[in-house]
């Protein structure tokens, strides 16, 4: 097996774990691993430093995008609702 195939299998495994947990945490990791697998397939070689950077940046970008896309409307983080004791 080539490195990109192994990375793709890891990404699929992370996707399955995401389906089981439903927390949207492992989905970002799976997206990062797919990006790493794509880079390995395009270049045809395995480079630890490059692959770690691609994985880290793409996973962080996926987390940021998913946070914005899947945000609930009633998310009160950062909103000032006033005093709780005011009736």
N, C-alpha and C. Protein backbone atom coordinates (compact mmCIF):
# COMPACT_ATOMS: atom_id res chain seq x y z
N UNK A 1 0.84 -1.19 0.00
CA UNK A 1 0.00 0.00 0.00
C UNK A 1 0.88 1.24 0.00
N UNK A 2 0.43 2.22 -0.70
CA UNK A 2 1.16 3.48 -0.76
C UNK A 2 0.72 4.37 0.40
N UNK A 3 1.53 5.38 0.72
CA UNK A 3 1.18 6.26 1.86
C UNK A 3 -0.16 6.97 1.70
N UNK A 4 -0.52 7.38 0.48
CA UNK A 4 -1.78 8.10 0.33
C UNK A 4 -2.97 7.18 0.55
N UNK A 5 -2.82 5.91 0.25
CA UNK A 5 -3.91 4.96 0.50
C UNK A 5 -4.08 4.72 2.00
N UNK A 6 -2.97 4.64 2.71
CA UNK A 6 -3.04 4.47 4.16
C UNK A 6 -3.68 5.69 4.81
N UNK A 7 -3.30 6.88 4.33
CA UNK A 7 -3.90 8.12 4.87
C UNK A 7 -5.39 8.17 4.58
N UNK A 8 -5.78 7.72 3.40
CA UNK A 8 -7.19 7.73 3.06
C UNK A 8 -7.97 6.74 3.92
N UNK A 9 -7.38 5.60 4.24
CA UNK A 9 -8.04 4.64 5.13
C UNK A 9 -8.18 5.21 6.55
N UNK A 10 -7.17 5.94 7.00
CA UNK A 10 -7.25 6.59 8.31
C UNK A 10 -8.37 7.63 8.30
N UNK A 11 -8.47 8.39 7.20
CA UNK A 11 -9.53 9.39 7.09
C UNK A 11 -10.91 8.73 7.11
N UNK A 12 -11.05 7.61 6.44
CA UNK A 12 -12.33 6.90 6.46
C UNK A 12 -12.63 6.38 7.87
N UNK A 13 -11.61 5.90 8.57
CA UNK A 13 -11.80 5.46 9.94
C UNK A 13 -12.24 6.60 10.84
N UNK A 14 -11.64 7.76 10.66
CA UNK A 14 -12.06 8.94 11.44
C UNK A 14 -13.48 9.35 11.10
N UNK A 15 -13.86 9.18 9.84
CA UNK A 15 -15.24 9.48 9.44
C UNK A 15 -16.23 8.54 10.10
N UNK A 16 -15.87 7.27 10.22
CA UNK A 16 -16.74 6.31 10.89
C UNK A 16 -16.85 6.65 12.38
N UNK A 17 -15.74 7.01 12.99
CA UNK A 17 -15.78 7.40 14.40
C UNK A 17 -16.67 8.63 14.57
N UNK A 18 -16.64 9.55 13.62
CA UNK A 18 -17.50 10.73 13.67
C UNK A 18 -18.96 10.34 13.59
N UNK A 19 -19.29 9.37 12.75
CA UNK A 19 -20.68 8.92 12.65
C UNK A 19 -21.16 8.30 13.95
N UNK A 20 -20.26 7.63 14.66
CA UNK A 20 -20.63 6.99 15.92
C UNK A 20 -20.82 8.03 17.02
N UNK A 21 -19.91 9.00 17.10
CA UNK A 21 -19.97 9.97 18.18
C UNK A 21 -20.91 11.14 17.89
N UNK A 22 -20.93 11.64 16.67
CA UNK A 22 -21.80 12.76 16.32
C UNK A 22 -21.41 14.08 16.94
N UNK A 23 -20.14 14.27 17.24
CA UNK A 23 -19.72 15.48 17.93
C UNK A 23 -19.07 16.51 17.01
N UNK A 24 -18.87 16.20 15.76
CA UNK A 24 -18.23 17.06 14.76
C UNK A 24 -16.77 17.37 15.10
N UNK A 25 -16.16 16.61 15.99
CA UNK A 25 -14.75 16.79 16.30
C UNK A 25 -13.91 15.99 15.33
N UNK A 26 -14.27 14.74 15.15
CA UNK A 26 -13.48 13.87 14.28
C UNK A 26 -13.67 14.19 12.81
N UNK A 27 -14.71 14.92 12.46
CA UNK A 27 -14.92 15.31 11.07
C UNK A 27 -13.82 16.26 10.61
N UNK A 28 -13.41 17.18 11.47
CA UNK A 28 -12.30 18.08 11.13
C UNK A 28 -11.01 17.32 10.93
N UNK A 29 -10.77 16.33 11.79
CA UNK A 29 -9.58 15.50 11.62
C UNK A 29 -9.65 14.69 10.35
N UNK A 30 -10.82 14.19 9.99
CA UNK A 30 -10.97 13.42 8.76
C UNK A 30 -10.73 14.29 7.53
N UNK A 31 -11.22 15.51 7.56
CA UNK A 31 -10.99 16.43 6.45
C UNK A 31 -9.50 16.75 6.32
N UNK A 32 -8.84 16.94 7.45
CA UNK A 32 -7.39 17.18 7.42
C UNK A 32 -6.63 15.99 6.86
N UNK A 33 -7.06 14.79 7.19
CA UNK A 33 -6.38 13.61 6.69
C UNK A 33 -6.65 13.39 5.20
N UNK A 34 -7.83 13.75 4.72
CA UNK A 34 -8.10 13.67 3.29
C UNK A 34 -7.22 14.65 2.52
N UNK A 35 -7.03 15.84 3.07
CA UNK A 35 -6.14 16.82 2.43
C UNK A 35 -4.71 16.30 2.40
N UNK A 36 -4.28 15.66 3.47
CA UNK A 36 -2.94 15.07 3.51
C UNK A 36 -2.82 13.95 2.49
N UNK A 37 -3.83 13.12 2.39
CA UNK A 37 -3.83 12.03 1.42
C UNK A 37 -3.77 12.57 -0.01
N UNK A 38 -4.49 13.64 -0.26
CA UNK A 38 -4.46 14.26 -1.59
C UNK A 38 -3.07 14.80 -1.92
N UNK A 39 -2.43 15.42 -0.96
CA UNK A 39 -1.08 15.94 -1.19
C UNK A 39 -0.09 14.80 -1.44
N UNK A 40 -0.25 13.71 -0.72
CA UNK A 40 0.62 12.56 -0.93
C UNK A 40 0.39 11.94 -2.31
N UNK A 41 -0.86 11.89 -2.74
CA UNK A 41 -1.16 11.31 -4.04
C UNK A 41 -0.64 12.19 -5.18
N UNK A 42 -0.73 13.49 -5.01
CA UNK A 42 -0.27 14.40 -6.08
C UNK A 42 1.25 14.43 -6.20
N UNK A 43 1.94 14.36 -5.07
CA UNK A 43 3.40 14.41 -5.14
C UNK A 43 4.02 13.03 -5.27
N UNK A 44 3.31 12.00 -4.86
CA UNK A 44 3.82 10.64 -4.99
C UNK A 44 4.83 10.24 -3.94
N UNK A 45 4.94 11.02 -2.88
CA UNK A 45 5.91 10.67 -1.84
C UNK A 45 5.36 11.07 -0.48
N UNK A 46 6.03 10.54 0.56
CA UNK A 46 5.66 10.77 1.95
C UNK A 46 6.71 11.66 2.58
N UNK A 47 6.31 12.81 3.11
CA UNK A 47 7.21 13.71 3.80
C UNK A 47 6.55 14.10 5.12
N UNK A 48 7.17 13.72 6.22
CA UNK A 48 6.54 13.88 7.54
C UNK A 48 6.23 15.34 7.84
N UNK A 49 7.20 16.22 7.66
CA UNK A 49 6.99 17.63 8.01
C UNK A 49 5.90 18.27 7.17
N UNK A 50 5.94 18.03 5.87
CA UNK A 50 4.92 18.60 4.99
C UNK A 50 3.54 18.04 5.33
N UNK A 51 3.47 16.76 5.55
CA UNK A 51 2.18 16.13 5.83
C UNK A 51 1.60 16.58 7.16
N UNK A 52 2.43 16.76 8.16
CA UNK A 52 1.94 17.27 9.44
C UNK A 52 1.42 18.70 9.32
N UNK A 53 2.13 19.52 8.55
CA UNK A 53 1.66 20.90 8.35
C UNK A 53 0.35 20.95 7.59
N UNK A 54 0.24 20.14 6.54
CA UNK A 54 -1.00 20.11 5.77
C UNK A 54 -2.14 19.62 6.64
N UNK A 55 -1.89 18.57 7.41
CA UNK A 55 -2.93 18.03 8.29
C UNK A 55 -3.36 19.07 9.33
N UNK A 56 -2.40 19.72 9.96
CA UNK A 56 -2.72 20.69 11.02
C UNK A 56 -3.50 21.87 10.47
N UNK A 57 -3.03 22.47 9.39
CA UNK A 57 -3.69 23.66 8.87
C UNK A 57 -5.06 23.35 8.28
N UNK A 58 -5.18 22.23 7.58
CA UNK A 58 -6.48 21.91 7.00
C UNK A 58 -7.48 21.49 8.07
N UNK A 59 -7.04 20.82 9.13
CA UNK A 59 -7.95 20.45 10.21
C UNK A 59 -8.42 21.69 10.96
N UNK A 60 -7.52 22.63 11.22
CA UNK A 60 -7.91 23.87 11.90
C UNK A 60 -8.87 24.67 11.03
N UNK A 61 -8.59 24.74 9.72
CA UNK A 61 -9.49 25.45 8.81
C UNK A 61 -10.86 24.77 8.78
N UNK A 62 -10.89 23.45 8.80
CA UNK A 62 -12.16 22.73 8.80
C UNK A 62 -12.93 23.01 10.08
N UNK A 63 -12.25 23.05 11.22
CA UNK A 63 -12.92 23.36 12.49
C UNK A 63 -13.51 24.76 12.47
N UNK A 64 -12.77 25.73 11.95
CA UNK A 64 -13.25 27.11 11.91
C UNK A 64 -14.46 27.23 10.99
N UNK A 65 -14.38 26.60 9.82
CA UNK A 65 -15.51 26.66 8.88
C UNK A 65 -16.73 25.96 9.44
N UNK A 66 -16.53 24.78 10.05
CA UNK A 66 -17.67 24.07 10.62
C UNK A 66 -18.28 24.83 11.78
N UNK A 67 -17.49 25.54 12.55
CA UNK A 67 -18.01 26.34 13.66
C UNK A 67 -18.93 27.44 13.13
N UNK A 68 -18.54 28.04 12.02
CA UNK A 68 -19.36 29.10 11.45
C UNK A 68 -20.60 28.54 10.74
N UNK A 69 -20.46 27.43 10.06
CA UNK A 69 -21.57 26.88 9.28
C UNK A 69 -22.60 26.22 10.18
N UNK A 70 -22.16 25.44 11.16
CA UNK A 70 -23.08 24.67 11.98
C UNK A 70 -23.42 25.35 13.30
N UNK A 71 -23.20 26.64 13.40
CA UNK A 71 -23.52 27.37 14.62
C UNK A 71 -25.04 27.42 14.80
N UNK A 72 -25.47 27.20 16.02
CA UNK A 72 -26.90 27.27 16.32
C UNK A 72 -27.33 28.72 16.43
N UNK A 73 -28.57 28.96 16.10
CA UNK A 73 -29.11 30.33 16.17
C UNK A 73 -29.20 30.82 17.61
N UNK A 74 -29.42 29.91 18.55
CA UNK A 74 -29.56 30.31 19.95
C UNK A 74 -28.25 30.25 20.71
N UNK A 75 -27.14 30.23 19.99
CA UNK A 75 -25.83 30.21 20.64
C UNK A 75 -25.61 31.57 21.30
N UNK A 76 -25.48 31.57 22.62
CA UNK A 76 -25.39 32.83 23.36
C UNK A 76 -23.97 33.21 23.70
N UNK A 77 -23.01 32.52 23.17
CA UNK A 77 -21.62 32.83 23.50
C UNK A 77 -21.29 34.22 22.97
N UNK A 78 -20.90 35.10 23.83
CA UNK A 78 -20.53 36.45 23.44
C UNK A 78 -21.68 37.45 23.46
N UNK A 79 -22.91 36.96 23.58
CA UNK A 79 -24.05 37.86 23.61
C UNK A 79 -24.34 38.27 25.05
N UNK A 80 -24.65 39.54 25.23
CA UNK A 80 -24.98 40.04 26.56
C UNK A 80 -26.49 40.00 26.72
N UNK A 81 -26.95 39.16 27.62
CA UNK A 81 -28.38 39.03 27.85
C UNK A 81 -28.83 39.82 29.07
N UNK A 82 -27.95 40.56 29.67
CA UNK A 82 -28.33 41.36 30.81
C UNK A 82 -28.21 40.56 32.11
N UNK A 83 -28.78 41.14 33.14
CA UNK A 83 -28.73 40.53 34.46
C UNK A 83 -29.73 39.39 34.58
N UNK A 84 -29.31 38.27 35.09
CA UNK A 84 -30.20 37.14 35.25
C UNK A 84 -31.25 37.37 36.32
N UNK A 85 -30.97 38.26 37.26
CA UNK A 85 -31.89 38.53 38.35
C UNK A 85 -32.92 39.59 38.02
N UNK A 86 -32.83 40.19 36.86
CA UNK A 86 -33.79 41.22 36.46
C UNK A 86 -35.07 40.54 35.95
N UNK A 87 -36.21 40.92 36.52
CA UNK A 87 -37.47 40.27 36.14
C UNK A 87 -38.29 41.15 35.28
